[in-house]
Amino acid sequence: MALGYLGATQISKGGVDEACATWSGLLDAMEEGIYSGRARQAVFDVRKLLSPYRRRKIPVVMELDARAASYLIRVD
């Protein structure tokens, strides 16, 4: 879940593109079969941190948010 924390740090410093790239790597790893409670919480946190940027319709944010939502649907 280190990638989750790294992305959170990046986005808190205004690095939206960097955070999205980091979180994309996180989702890549999780989509290969990681379904733990900690993994689910990390993806939930990603969506929460992306929420202010979704309103701006930033393409990379929208794509990552859709992937995160899809992951959460599969693990619930």
PDB file of N, CA and C in Angstrom:
ATOM      1  N   MET A   1       0.805  -1.186   0.000  1.00  0.00           N
ATOM      2  CA  MET A   1       0.000   0.000   0.000  1.00  0.00           C
ATOM      3  C   MET A   1       0.854   1.258   0.000  1.00  0.00           C
ATOM      4  N   ALA A   2       2.160   1.080  -0.146  1.00  0.00           N
ATOM      5  CA  ALA A   2       3.078   2.222  -0.179  1.00  0.00           C
ATOM      6  C   ALA A   2       2.748   3.158  -1.339  1.00  0.00           C
ATOM      7  N   LEU A   3       2.305   2.593  -2.455  1.00  0.00           N
ATOM      8  CA  LEU A   3       1.949   3.440  -3.594  1.00  0.00           C
ATOM      9  C   LEU A   3       0.744   4.313  -3.272  1.00  0.00           C
ATOM     10  N   GLY A   4      -0.140   3.826  -2.454  1.00  0.00           N
ATOM     11  CA  GLY A   4      -1.291   4.625  -2.026  1.00  0.00           C
ATOM     12  C   GLY A   4      -0.836   5.840  -1.239  1.00  0.00           C
ATOM     13  N   TYR A   5       0.082   5.619  -0.298  1.00  0.00           N
ATOM     14  CA  TYR A   5       0.601   6.724   0.512  1.00  0.00           C
ATOM     15  C   TYR A   5       1.414   7.705  -0.321  1.00  0.00           C
ATOM     16  N   LEU A   6       2.216   7.172  -1.247  1.00  0.00           N
ATOM     17  CA  LEU A   6       3.019   8.039  -2.106  1.00  0.00           C
ATOM     18  C   LEU A   6       2.114   8.928  -2.959  1.00  0.00           C
ATOM     19  N   GLY A   7       1.077   8.349  -3.540  1.00  0.00           N
ATOM     20  CA  GLY A   7       0.138   9.129  -4.342  1.00  0.00           C
ATOM     21  C   GLY A   7      -0.560  10.201  -3.523  1.00  0.00           C
ATOM     22  N   ALA A   8      -0.901   9.870  -2.272  1.00  0.00           N
ATOM     23  CA  ALA A   8      -1.548  10.848  -1.392  1.00  0.00           C
ATOM     24  C   ALA A   8      -0.622  12.029  -1.123  1.00  0.00           C
ATOM     25  N   THR A   9       0.651  11.744  -0.933  1.00  0.00           N
ATOM     26  CA  THR A   9       1.630  12.811  -0.722  1.00  0.00           C
ATOM     27  C   THR A   9       1.766  13.662  -1.976  1.00  0.00           C
ATOM     28  N   GLN A  10       1.825  13.019  -3.116  1.00  0.00           N
ATOM     29  CA  GLN A  10       1.970  13.751  -4.374  1.00  0.00           C
ATOM     30  C   GLN A  10       0.782  14.664  -4.632  1.00  0.00           C
ATOM     31  N   ILE A  11      -0.421  14.168  -4.426  1.00  0.00           N
ATOM     32  CA  ILE A  11      -1.597  14.992  -4.711  1.00  0.00           C
ATOM     33  C   ILE A  11      -1.721  16.127  -3.694  1.00  0.00           C
ATOM     34  N   SER A  12      -1.289  15.893  -2.465  1.00  0.00           N
ATOM     35  CA  SER A  12      -1.362  16.959  -1.458  1.00  0.00           C
ATOM     36  C   SER A  12      -0.423  18.112  -1.790  1.00  0.00           C
ATOM     37  N   LYS A  13       0.596  17.822  -2.596  1.00  0.00           N
ATOM     38  CA  LYS A  13       1.538  18.860  -3.025  1.00  0.00           C
ATOM     39  C   LYS A  13       1.180  19.425  -4.399  1.00  0.00           C
ATOM     40  N   GLY A  14       0.015  19.052  -4.904  1.00  0.00           N
ATOM     41  CA  GLY A  14      -0.445  19.576  -6.184  1.00  0.00           C
ATOM     42  C   GLY A  14      -0.041  18.761  -7.392  1.00  0.00           C
ATOM     43  N   GLY A  15       0.579  17.625  -7.173  1.00  0.00           N
ATOM     44  CA  GLY A  15       1.021  16.789  -8.286  1.00  0.00           C
ATOM     45  C   GLY A  15      -0.049  15.808  -8.721  1.00  0.00           C
ATOM     46  N   VAL A  16      -1.076  16.307  -9.348  1.00  0.00           N
ATOM     47  CA  VAL A  16      -2.211  15.466  -9.753  1.00  0.00           C
ATOM     48  C   VAL A  16      -1.776  14.404 -10.754  1.00  0.00           C
ATOM     49  N   ASP A  17      -1.031  14.807 -11.779  1.00  0.00           N
ATOM     50  CA  ASP A  17      -0.596  13.839 -12.787  1.00  0.00           C
ATOM     51  C   ASP A  17       0.318  12.777 -12.178  1.00  0.00           C
ATOM     52  N   GLU A  18       1.233  13.205 -11.315  1.00  0.00           N
ATOM     53  CA  GLU A  18       2.142  12.256 -10.669  1.00  0.00           C
ATOM     54  C   GLU A  18       1.378  11.285  -9.784  1.00  0.00           C
ATOM     55  N   ALA A  19       0.429  11.804  -9.006  1.00  0.00           N
ATOM     56  CA  ALA A  19      -0.373  10.956  -8.130  1.00  0.00           C
ATOM     57  C   ALA A  19      -1.177   9.953  -8.952  1.00  0.00           C
ATOM     58  N   CYS A  20      -1.747  10.403 -10.042  1.00  0.00           N
ATOM     59  CA  CYS A  20      -2.538   9.493 -10.881  1.00  0.00           C
ATOM     60  C   CYS A  20      -1.660   8.399 -11.472  1.00  0.00           C
ATOM     61  N   ALA A  21      -0.445   8.738 -11.872  1.00  0.00           N
ATOM     62  CA  ALA A  21       0.476   7.728 -12.400  1.00  0.00           C
ATOM     63  C   ALA A  21       0.834   6.716 -11.314  1.00  0.00           C
ATOM     64  N   THR A  22       1.092   7.203 -10.121  1.00  0.00           N
ATOM     65  CA  THR A  22       1.415   6.315  -9.000  1.00  0.00           C
ATOM     66  C   THR A  22       0.241   5.403  -8.679  1.00  0.00           C
ATOM     67  N   TRP A  23      -0.935   5.989  -8.572  1.00  0.00           N
ATOM     68  CA  TRP A  23      -2.121   5.197  -8.246  1.00  0.00           C
ATOM     69  C   TRP A  23      -2.496   4.233  -9.365  1.00  0.00           C
ATOM     70  N   SER A  24      -2.173   4.585 -10.589  1.00  0.00           N
ATOM     71  CA  SER A  24      -2.417   3.667 -11.697  1.00  0.00           C
ATOM     72  C   SER A  24      -1.574   2.406 -11.507  1.00  0.00           C
ATOM     73  N   GLY A  25      -0.334   2.591 -11.061  1.00  0.00           N
ATOM     74  CA  GLY A  25       0.517   1.442 -10.761  1.00  0.00           C
ATOM     75  C   GLY A  25      -0.050   0.605  -9.632  1.00  0.00           C
ATOM     76  N   LEU A  26      -0.617   1.261  -8.647  1.00  0.00           N
ATOM     77  CA  LEU A  26      -1.271   0.572  -7.536  1.00  0.00           C
ATOM     78  C   LEU A  26      -2.420  -0.290  -8.061  1.00  0.00           C
ATOM     79  N   LEU A  27      -3.254   0.286  -8.899  1.00  0.00           N
ATOM     80  CA  LEU A  27      -4.385  -0.470  -9.447  1.00  0.00           C
ATOM     81  C   LEU A  27      -3.915  -1.604 -10.355  1.00  0.00           C
ATOM     82  N   ASP A  28      -2.841  -1.372 -11.111  1.00  0.00           N
ATOM     83  CA  ASP A  28      -2.299  -2.439 -11.951  1.00  0.00           C
ATOM     84  C   ASP A  28      -1.959  -3.663 -11.093  1.00  0.00           C
ATOM     85  N   ALA A  29      -1.294  -3.413  -9.980  1.00  0.00           N
ATOM     86  CA  ALA A  29      -0.908  -4.510  -9.086  1.00  0.00           C
ATOM     87  C   ALA A  29      -2.135  -5.185  -8.480  1.00  0.00           C
ATOM     88  N   MET A  30      -3.111  -4.406  -8.084  1.00  0.00           N
ATOM     89  CA  MET A  30      -4.290  -4.961  -7.428  1.00  0.00           C
ATOM     90  C   MET A  30      -5.180  -5.729  -8.388  1.00  0.00           C
ATOM     91  N   GLU A  31      -5.231  -5.299  -9.616  1.00  0.00           N
ATOM     92  CA  GLU A  31      -6.080  -5.969 -10.597  1.00  0.00           C
ATOM     93  C   GLU A  31      -5.567  -7.361 -10.933  1.00  0.00           C
ATOM     94  N   GLU A  32      -4.350  -7.666 -10.490  1.00  0.00           N
ATOM     95  CA  GLU A  32      -3.801  -9.002 -10.714  1.00  0.00           C
ATOM     96  C   GLU A  32      -4.229  -9.982  -9.620  1.00  0.00           C
ATOM     97  N   GLY A  33      -5.114  -9.544  -8.737  1.00  0.00           N
ATOM     98  CA  GLY A  33      -5.672 -10.471  -7.777  1.00  0.00           C
ATOM     99  C   GLY A  33      -5.527 -10.102  -6.315  1.00  0.00           C
ATOM    100  N   ILE A  34      -5.203  -8.873  -5.998  1.00  0.00           N
ATOM    101  CA  ILE A  34      -5.112  -8.463  -4.605  1.00  0.00           C
ATOM    102  C   ILE A  34      -6.477  -7.931  -4.178  1.00  0.00           C
ATOM    103  N   TYR A  35      -7.077  -8.594  -3.184  1.00  0.00           N
ATOM    104  CA  TYR A  35      -8.412  -8.217  -2.740  1.00  0.00           C
ATOM    105  C   TYR A  35      -8.513  -8.102  -1.220  1.00  0.00           C
ATOM    106  N   SER A  36      -7.459  -7.682  -0.561  1.00  0.00           N
ATOM    107  CA  SER A  36      -7.484  -7.583   0.900  1.00  0.00           C
ATOM    108  C   SER A  36      -8.262  -6.352   1.350  1.00  0.00           C
ATOM    109  N   GLY A  37      -8.559  -6.313   2.632  1.00  0.00           N
ATOM    110  CA  GLY A  37      -9.233  -5.154   3.201  1.00  0.00           C
ATOM    111  C   GLY A  37      -8.386  -3.899   3.096  1.00  0.00           C
ATOM    112  N   ARG A  38      -7.076  -4.050   3.288  1.00  0.00           N
ATOM    113  CA  ARG A  38      -6.177  -2.896   3.166  1.00  0.00           C
ATOM    114  C   ARG A  38      -6.128  -2.384   1.729  1.00  0.00           C
ATOM    115  N   ALA A  39      -6.144  -3.302   0.776  1.00  0.00           N
ATOM    116  CA  ALA A  39      -6.132  -2.899  -0.633  1.00  0.00           C
ATOM    117  C   ALA A  39      -7.419  -2.154  -0.966  1.00  0.00           C
ATOM    118  N   ARG A  40      -8.538  -2.682  -0.504  1.00  0.00           N
ATOM    119  CA  ARG A  40      -9.818  -2.025  -0.749  1.00  0.00           C
ATOM    120  C   ARG A  40      -9.825  -0.631  -0.148  1.00  0.00           C
ATOM    121  N   GLN A  41      -9.310  -0.481   1.067  1.00  0.00           N
ATOM    122  CA  GLN A  41      -9.266   0.824   1.718  1.00  0.00           C
ATOM    123  C   GLN A  41      -8.367   1.791   0.961  1.00  0.00           C
ATOM    124  N   ALA A  42      -7.257   1.296   0.435  1.00  0.00           N
ATOM    125  CA  ALA A  42      -6.353   2.148  -0.335  1.00  0.00           C
ATOM    126  C   ALA A  42      -7.061   2.707  -1.574  1.00  0.00           C
ATOM    127  N   VAL A  43      -7.820   1.870  -2.257  1.00  0.00           N
ATOM    128  CA  VAL A  43      -8.537   2.314  -3.456  1.00  0.00           C
ATOM    129  C   VAL A  43      -9.675   3.261  -3.070  1.00  0.00           C
ATOM    130  N   PHE A  44     -10.347   2.981  -1.980  1.00  0.00           N
ATOM    131  CA  PHE A  44     -11.382   3.884  -1.480  1.00  0.00           C
ATOM    132  C   PHE A  44     -10.774   5.259  -1.195  1.00  0.00           C
ATOM    133  N   ASP A  45      -9.606   5.282  -0.570  1.00  0.00           N
ATOM    134  CA  ASP A  45      -8.924   6.544  -0.263  1.00  0.00           C
ATOM    135  C   ASP A  45      -8.523   7.291  -1.539  1.00  0.00           C
ATOM    136  N   VAL A  46      -8.102   6.557  -2.552  1.00  0.00           N
ATOM    137  CA  VAL A  46      -7.768   7.180  -3.841  1.00  0.00           C
ATOM    138  C   VAL A  46      -8.978   7.925  -4.378  1.00  0.00           C
ATOM    139  N   ARG A  47     -10.124   7.268  -4.381  1.00  0.00           N
ATOM    140  CA  ARG A  47     -11.334   7.917  -4.896  1.00  0.00           C
ATOM    141  C   ARG A  47     -11.691   9.154  -4.080  1.00  0.00           C
ATOM    142  N   LYS A  48     -11.521   9.054  -2.781  1.00  0.00           N
ATOM    143  CA  LYS A  48     -11.812  10.193  -1.902  1.00  0.00           C
ATOM    144  C   LYS A  48     -10.886  11.375  -2.223  1.00  0.00           C
ATOM    145  N   LEU A  49      -9.608  11.099  -2.400  1.00  0.00           N
ATOM    146  CA  LEU A  49      -8.642  12.164  -2.680  1.00  0.00           C
ATOM    147  C   LEU A  49      -8.817  12.744  -4.086  1.00  0.00           C
ATOM    148  N   LEU A  50      -9.368  11.958  -4.986  1.00  0.00           N
ATOM    149  CA  LEU A  50      -9.610  12.439  -6.351  1.00  0.00           C
ATOM    150  C   LEU A  50     -10.883  13.266  -6.470  1.00  0.00           C
ATOM    151  N   SER A  51     -11.770  13.170  -5.498  1.00  0.00           N
ATOM    152  CA  SER A  51     -13.087  13.792  -5.630  1.00  0.00           C
ATOM    153  C   SER A  51     -13.052  15.280  -5.981  1.00  0.00           C
ATOM    154  N   PRO A  52     -12.172  16.105  -5.410  1.00  0.00           N
ATOM    155  CA  PRO A  52     -12.178  17.523  -5.817  1.00  0.00           C
ATOM    156  C   PRO A  52     -11.773  17.730  -7.280  1.00  0.00           C
ATOM    157  N   TYR A  53     -11.029  16.778  -7.827  1.00  0.00           N
ATOM    158  CA  TYR A  53     -10.533  16.914  -9.202  1.00  0.00           C
ATOM    159  C   TYR A  53     -11.505  16.340 -10.221  1.00  0.00           C
ATOM    160  N   ARG A  54     -12.401  15.454  -9.790  1.00  0.00           N
ATOM    161  CA  ARG A  54     -13.394  14.890 -10.719  1.00  0.00           C
ATOM    162  C   ARG A  54     -14.284  15.990 -11.276  1.00  0.00           C
ATOM    163  N   ARG A  55     -14.617  16.955 -10.459  1.00  0.00           N
ATOM    164  CA  ARG A  55     -15.496  18.041 -10.910  1.00  0.00           C
ATOM    165  C   ARG A  55     -14.873  18.844 -12.052  1.00  0.00           C
ATOM    166  N   ARG A  56     -13.564  18.834 -12.107  1.00  0.00           N
ATOM    167  CA  ARG A  56     -12.849  19.582 -13.151  1.00  0.00           C
ATOM    168  C   ARG A  56     -12.756  18.800 -14.460  1.00  0.00           C
ATOM    169  N   LYS A  57     -13.210  17.552 -14.421  1.00  0.00           N
ATOM    170  CA  LYS A  57     -13.221  16.688 -15.612  1.00  0.00           C
ATOM    171  C   LYS A  57     -11.830  16.508 -16.224  1.00  0.00           C
ATOM    172  N   ILE A  58     -10.813  16.372 -15.378  1.00  0.00           N
ATOM    173  CA  ILE A  58      -9.450  16.129 -15.841  1.00  0.00           C
ATOM    174  C   ILE A  58      -9.402  14.690 -16.366  1.00  0.00           C
ATOM    175  N   PRO A  59      -9.034  14.503 -17.630  1.00  0.00           N
ATOM    176  CA  PRO A  59      -9.109  13.167 -18.236  1.00  0.00           C
ATOM    177  C   PRO A  59      -8.397  12.066 -17.446  1.00  0.00           C
ATOM    178  N   VAL A  60      -7.170  12.304 -17.000  1.00  0.00           N
ATOM    179  CA  VAL A  60      -6.428  11.269 -16.273  1.00  0.00           C
ATOM    180  C   VAL A  60      -7.119  10.939 -14.953  1.00  0.00           C
ATOM    181  N   VAL A  61      -7.719  11.927 -14.335  1.00  0.00           N
ATOM    182  CA  VAL A  61      -8.452  11.709 -13.086  1.00  0.00           C
ATOM    183  C   VAL A  61      -9.712  10.886 -13.361  1.00  0.00           C
ATOM    184  N   MET A  62     -10.424  11.235 -14.409  1.00  0.00           N
ATOM    185  CA  MET A  62     -11.656  10.521 -14.743  1.00  0.00           C
ATOM    186  C   MET A  62     -11.368   9.047 -15.058  1.00  0.00           C
ATOM    187  N   GLU A  63     -10.299   8.794 -15.789  1.00  0.00           N
ATOM    188  CA  GLU A  63      -9.940   7.419 -16.145  1.00  0.00           C
ATOM    189  C   GLU A  63      -9.545   6.616 -14.899  1.00  0.00           C
ATOM    190  N   LEU A  64      -8.715   7.209 -14.054  1.00  0.00           N
ATOM    191  CA  LEU A  64      -8.291   6.524 -12.840  1.00  0.00           C
ATOM    192  C   LEU A  64      -9.469   6.278 -11.901  1.00  0.00           C
ATOM    193  N   ASP A  65     -10.333   7.255 -11.768  1.00  0.00           N
ATOM    194  CA  ASP A  65     -11.498   7.103 -10.904  1.00  0.00           C
ATOM    195  C   ASP A  65     -12.400   5.972 -11.403  1.00  0.00           C
ATOM    196  N   ALA A  66     -12.562   5.869 -12.699  1.00  0.00           N
ATOM    197  CA  ALA A  66     -13.383   4.786 -13.267  1.00  0.00           C
ATOM    198  C   ALA A  66     -12.755   3.430 -12.975  1.00  0.00           C
ATOM    199  N   ARG A  67     -11.437   3.333 -13.097  1.00  0.00           N
ATOM    200  CA  ARG A  67     -10.748   2.073 -12.778  1.00  0.00           C
ATOM    201  C   ARG A  67     -10.913   1.721 -11.299  1.00  0.00           C
ATOM    202  N   ALA A  68     -10.767   2.725 -10.449  1.00  0.00           N
ATOM    203  CA  ALA A  68     -10.900   2.503  -9.004  1.00  0.00           C
ATOM    204  C   ALA A  68     -12.312   2.050  -8.657  1.00  0.00           C
ATOM    205  N   ALA A  69     -13.313   2.695  -9.244  1.00  0.00           N
ATOM    206  CA  ALA A  69     -14.701   2.320  -8.996  1.00  0.00           C
ATOM    207  C   ALA A  69     -14.958   0.889  -9.455  1.00  0.00           C
ATOM    208  N   SER A  70     -14.414   0.527 -10.599  1.00  0.00           N
ATOM    209  CA  SER A  70     -14.577  -0.831 -11.125  1.00  0.00           C
ATOM    210  C   SER A  70     -13.943  -1.857 -10.180  1.00  0.00           C
ATOM    211  N   TYR A  71     -12.767  -1.542  -9.666  1.00  0.00           N
ATOM    212  CA  TYR A  71     -12.102  -2.435  -8.715  1.00  0.00           C
ATOM    213  C   TYR A  71     -12.979  -2.623  -7.472  1.00  0.00           C
ATOM    214  N   LEU A  72     -13.490  -1.533  -6.952  1.00  0.00           N
ATOM    215  CA  LEU A  72     -14.303  -1.617  -5.730  1.00  0.00           C
ATOM    216  C   LEU A  72     -15.576  -2.437  -5.952  1.00  0.00           C
ATOM    217  N   ILE A  73     -16.153  -2.346  -7.121  1.00  0.00           N
ATOM    218  CA  ILE A  73     -17.350  -3.135  -7.423  1.00  0.00           C
ATOM    219  C   ILE A  73     -17.002  -4.630  -7.408  1.00  0.00           C
ATOM    220  N   ARG A  74     -15.842  -4.966  -7.951  1.00  0.00           N
ATOM    221  CA  ARG A  74     -15.432  -6.376  -8.004  1.00  0.00           C
ATOM    222  C   ARG A  74     -15.133  -6.960  -6.625  1.00  0.00           C
ATOM    223  N   VAL A  75     -14.624  -6.150  -5.713  1.00  0.00           N
ATOM    224  CA  VAL A  75     -14.233  -6.696  -4.407  1.00  0.00           C
ATOM    225  C   VAL A  75     -15.352  -6.644  -3.372  1.00  0.00           C
ATOM    226  N   ASP A  76     -16.402  -5.946  -3.658  1.00  0.00           N
ATOM    227  CA  ASP A  76     -17.527  -5.886  -2.694  1.00  0.00           C
ATOM    228  C   ASP A  76     -18.418  -7.091  -2.796  1.00  0.00           C
TER     229      ASP A  76
END
